[in-house]
N, C-alpha and C. Protein backbone atom coordinates (compact mmCIF):
# COMPACT_ATOMS: atom_id res chain seq x y z
N MET A 1 11.97 16.92 5.19
CA MET A 1 11.75 16.81 3.77
C MET A 1 12.21 15.47 3.26
N PHE A 2 13.37 15.00 3.68
CA PHE A 2 13.86 13.70 3.26
C PHE A 2 13.88 12.78 4.46
N ASN A 3 13.61 11.52 4.23
CA ASN A 3 13.69 10.53 5.28
C ASN A 3 14.96 9.74 5.10
N ILE A 4 15.68 9.54 6.19
CA ILE A 4 16.84 8.68 6.17
C ILE A 4 16.36 7.32 6.61
N GLU A 5 16.57 6.33 5.77
CA GLU A 5 16.02 5.01 6.04
C GLU A 5 17.05 4.09 6.67
N LYS A 6 16.62 3.39 7.68
CA LYS A 6 17.44 2.36 8.30
C LYS A 6 17.11 1.01 7.68
N GLY A 7 15.95 0.92 7.07
CA GLY A 7 15.54 -0.32 6.40
C GLY A 7 15.17 -0.02 4.97
N GLN A 8 14.09 -0.57 4.50
CA GLN A 8 13.69 -0.40 3.11
C GLN A 8 12.34 0.30 2.96
N MET A 9 12.03 1.22 3.85
CA MET A 9 10.76 1.92 3.78
C MET A 9 10.87 3.12 2.83
N PRO A 10 9.99 3.28 1.85
CA PRO A 10 10.06 4.41 0.94
C PRO A 10 9.62 5.70 1.63
N PRO A 11 10.36 6.81 1.43
CA PRO A 11 9.99 8.07 2.08
C PRO A 11 8.90 8.81 1.32
N GLU A 12 8.16 9.63 2.03
CA GLU A 12 7.22 10.54 1.42
C GLU A 12 7.93 11.88 1.34
N GLN A 13 7.95 12.48 0.16
CA GLN A 13 8.66 13.74 -0.03
C GLN A 13 7.76 14.74 -0.71
N ALA A 14 7.91 15.97 -0.33
CA ALA A 14 7.18 17.05 -0.99
C ALA A 14 8.09 18.26 -1.00
N ARG A 15 8.10 18.95 -2.12
CA ARG A 15 8.92 20.15 -2.23
C ARG A 15 8.03 21.28 -2.69
N GLU A 16 8.04 22.36 -1.90
CA GLU A 16 7.24 23.51 -2.27
C GLU A 16 8.07 24.41 -3.19
N LYS A 17 7.42 25.01 -4.16
CA LYS A 17 8.13 25.91 -5.08
C LYS A 17 8.71 27.09 -4.32
N GLY A 18 9.94 27.44 -4.68
CA GLY A 18 10.58 28.60 -4.07
C GLY A 18 11.22 28.35 -2.73
N LYS A 19 11.05 27.18 -2.17
CA LYS A 19 11.64 26.87 -0.86
C LYS A 19 13.03 26.28 -1.05
N ALA A 20 13.94 26.64 -0.17
CA ALA A 20 15.29 26.08 -0.20
C ALA A 20 15.23 24.60 0.18
N ILE A 21 16.12 23.83 -0.40
CA ILE A 21 16.17 22.40 -0.10
C ILE A 21 17.10 22.18 1.07
N LYS A 22 16.62 21.48 2.08
CA LYS A 22 17.45 21.12 3.22
C LYS A 22 17.89 19.67 3.00
N TRP A 23 19.13 19.51 2.52
CA TRP A 23 19.64 18.19 2.19
C TRP A 23 19.91 17.40 3.46
N PRO A 24 19.73 16.08 3.45
CA PRO A 24 19.89 15.26 4.64
C PRO A 24 21.30 14.70 4.85
N TRP A 25 22.27 15.09 4.04
CA TRP A 25 23.57 14.44 4.05
C TRP A 25 24.25 14.44 5.41
N LYS A 26 24.19 15.54 6.16
CA LYS A 26 24.89 15.61 7.45
C LYS A 26 24.28 14.70 8.50
N ASP A 27 23.03 14.32 8.34
CA ASP A 27 22.35 13.47 9.32
C ASP A 27 22.48 11.99 9.02
N MET A 28 23.08 11.66 7.88
CA MET A 28 23.17 10.25 7.49
C MET A 28 24.35 9.56 8.15
N GLU A 29 24.13 8.31 8.52
CA GLU A 29 25.18 7.45 9.06
C GLU A 29 25.54 6.44 7.97
N VAL A 30 26.70 5.81 8.12
CA VAL A 30 27.13 4.80 7.15
C VAL A 30 26.05 3.71 7.05
N GLY A 31 25.66 3.40 5.82
CA GLY A 31 24.64 2.39 5.58
C GLY A 31 23.24 2.96 5.38
N ASP A 32 23.05 4.24 5.66
CA ASP A 32 21.74 4.86 5.50
C ASP A 32 21.43 5.12 4.03
N LEU A 33 20.16 5.15 3.70
CA LEU A 33 19.68 5.33 2.34
C LEU A 33 18.65 6.44 2.30
N VAL A 34 18.74 7.29 1.28
CA VAL A 34 17.71 8.30 1.01
C VAL A 34 17.26 8.07 -0.43
N ARG A 35 15.94 8.03 -0.62
CA ARG A 35 15.38 7.89 -1.97
C ARG A 35 14.77 9.22 -2.37
N ILE A 36 15.09 9.65 -3.57
CA ILE A 36 14.59 10.94 -4.06
C ILE A 36 13.83 10.66 -5.34
N ASP A 37 12.52 10.92 -5.29
CA ASP A 37 11.69 10.63 -6.46
C ASP A 37 11.26 11.90 -7.19
N ASP A 38 11.66 13.06 -6.70
CA ASP A 38 11.34 14.33 -7.34
C ASP A 38 12.34 14.54 -8.49
N LYS A 39 11.88 14.35 -9.71
CA LYS A 39 12.77 14.40 -10.87
C LYS A 39 13.42 15.77 -11.05
N SER A 40 12.81 16.83 -10.52
CA SER A 40 13.36 18.17 -10.69
C SER A 40 14.61 18.40 -9.84
N ILE A 41 14.86 17.57 -8.83
CA ILE A 41 16.04 17.77 -7.98
C ILE A 41 17.00 16.58 -7.98
N MET A 42 16.70 15.55 -8.76
CA MET A 42 17.56 14.35 -8.76
C MET A 42 19.00 14.66 -9.12
N GLN A 43 19.21 15.39 -10.21
CA GLN A 43 20.57 15.67 -10.65
C GLN A 43 21.31 16.53 -9.62
N LYS A 44 20.62 17.54 -9.06
CA LYS A 44 21.24 18.37 -8.03
C LYS A 44 21.64 17.52 -6.83
N ALA A 45 20.76 16.65 -6.40
CA ALA A 45 21.03 15.80 -5.24
C ALA A 45 22.26 14.94 -5.48
N GLN A 46 22.36 14.39 -6.67
CA GLN A 46 23.48 13.52 -7.00
C GLN A 46 24.80 14.29 -6.94
N VAL A 47 24.82 15.50 -7.44
CA VAL A 47 26.03 16.33 -7.41
C VAL A 47 26.31 16.81 -5.99
N TYR A 48 25.29 17.31 -5.31
CA TYR A 48 25.48 17.92 -4.00
C TYR A 48 25.93 16.93 -2.93
N CYS A 49 25.46 15.69 -2.98
CA CYS A 49 25.88 14.74 -1.94
C CYS A 49 27.38 14.48 -2.03
N HIS A 50 27.90 14.34 -3.25
CA HIS A 50 29.34 14.10 -3.42
C HIS A 50 30.15 15.34 -3.07
N ALA A 51 29.65 16.52 -3.46
CA ALA A 51 30.35 17.77 -3.14
C ALA A 51 30.36 18.03 -1.64
N TYR A 52 29.28 17.69 -0.95
CA TYR A 52 29.21 17.86 0.50
C TYR A 52 30.19 16.92 1.19
N GLY A 53 30.23 15.68 0.76
CA GLY A 53 31.03 14.67 1.45
C GLY A 53 32.53 14.77 1.24
N ARG A 54 32.95 15.22 0.08
CA ARG A 54 34.38 15.23 -0.26
C ARG A 54 35.25 15.93 0.79
N PRO A 55 34.97 17.17 1.18
CA PRO A 55 35.89 17.85 2.12
C PRO A 55 35.85 17.31 3.55
N ILE A 56 34.78 16.60 3.92
CA ILE A 56 34.70 16.12 5.30
C ILE A 56 34.89 14.61 5.43
N GLY A 57 35.13 13.95 4.30
CA GLY A 57 35.44 12.52 4.34
C GLY A 57 34.25 11.59 4.27
N TYR A 58 33.06 12.10 3.95
CA TYR A 58 31.91 11.23 3.74
C TYR A 58 31.95 10.75 2.30
N LYS A 59 31.51 9.51 2.07
CA LYS A 59 31.42 8.98 0.71
C LYS A 59 30.00 8.48 0.49
N PHE A 60 29.50 8.77 -0.70
CA PHE A 60 28.15 8.38 -1.07
C PHE A 60 28.17 7.58 -2.35
N LYS A 61 27.20 6.69 -2.48
CA LYS A 61 26.98 5.96 -3.74
C LYS A 61 25.59 6.35 -4.20
N THR A 62 25.48 6.70 -5.47
CA THR A 62 24.17 7.07 -6.02
C THR A 62 23.84 6.17 -7.19
N GLN A 63 22.56 5.85 -7.30
CA GLN A 63 22.10 5.01 -8.41
C GLN A 63 20.62 5.29 -8.64
N THR A 64 20.25 5.41 -9.90
CA THR A 64 18.84 5.58 -10.24
C THR A 64 18.25 4.22 -10.57
N ILE A 65 17.21 3.86 -9.83
CA ILE A 65 16.53 2.58 -10.01
C ILE A 65 15.05 2.86 -10.22
N ASP A 66 14.52 2.44 -11.36
CA ASP A 66 13.11 2.64 -11.70
C ASP A 66 12.68 4.09 -11.56
N GLY A 67 13.53 5.03 -11.97
CA GLY A 67 13.18 6.45 -11.94
C GLY A 67 13.31 7.12 -10.59
N VAL A 68 13.89 6.43 -9.61
CA VAL A 68 14.07 6.99 -8.27
C VAL A 68 15.57 7.00 -7.96
N LEU A 69 16.07 8.15 -7.52
CA LEU A 69 17.49 8.25 -7.16
C LEU A 69 17.68 7.70 -5.76
N HIS A 70 18.60 6.75 -5.61
CA HIS A 70 18.95 6.17 -4.33
C HIS A 70 20.32 6.70 -3.93
N VAL A 71 20.44 7.25 -2.74
CA VAL A 71 21.72 7.77 -2.24
C VAL A 71 22.06 7.04 -0.96
N TRP A 72 23.17 6.30 -0.98
CA TRP A 72 23.64 5.59 0.20
C TRP A 72 24.89 6.26 0.73
N ARG A 73 25.01 6.36 2.03
CA ARG A 73 26.28 6.79 2.61
C ARG A 73 27.09 5.52 2.83
N ILE A 74 28.29 5.46 2.23
CA ILE A 74 29.10 4.26 2.32
C ILE A 74 30.34 4.44 3.17
N ALA A 75 30.69 5.66 3.54
CA ALA A 75 31.85 5.88 4.44
C ALA A 75 31.74 7.25 5.06
């Protein structure tokens, strides 16, 4: 569902109604980027990445650029 980018390639994303979201946070390495352009899940993604990372020591930076949420793993 989400692509973890090693460079600057934009991911193709699709979310079916009623389907659970499989977040990519556990598969990300430091320096990886995920772009989320689905406005219906942007706020959830921003909260969930930080909540996921806190107890296990992962740190994320989030920023919305031109209507797309960018999530970087920074530690």
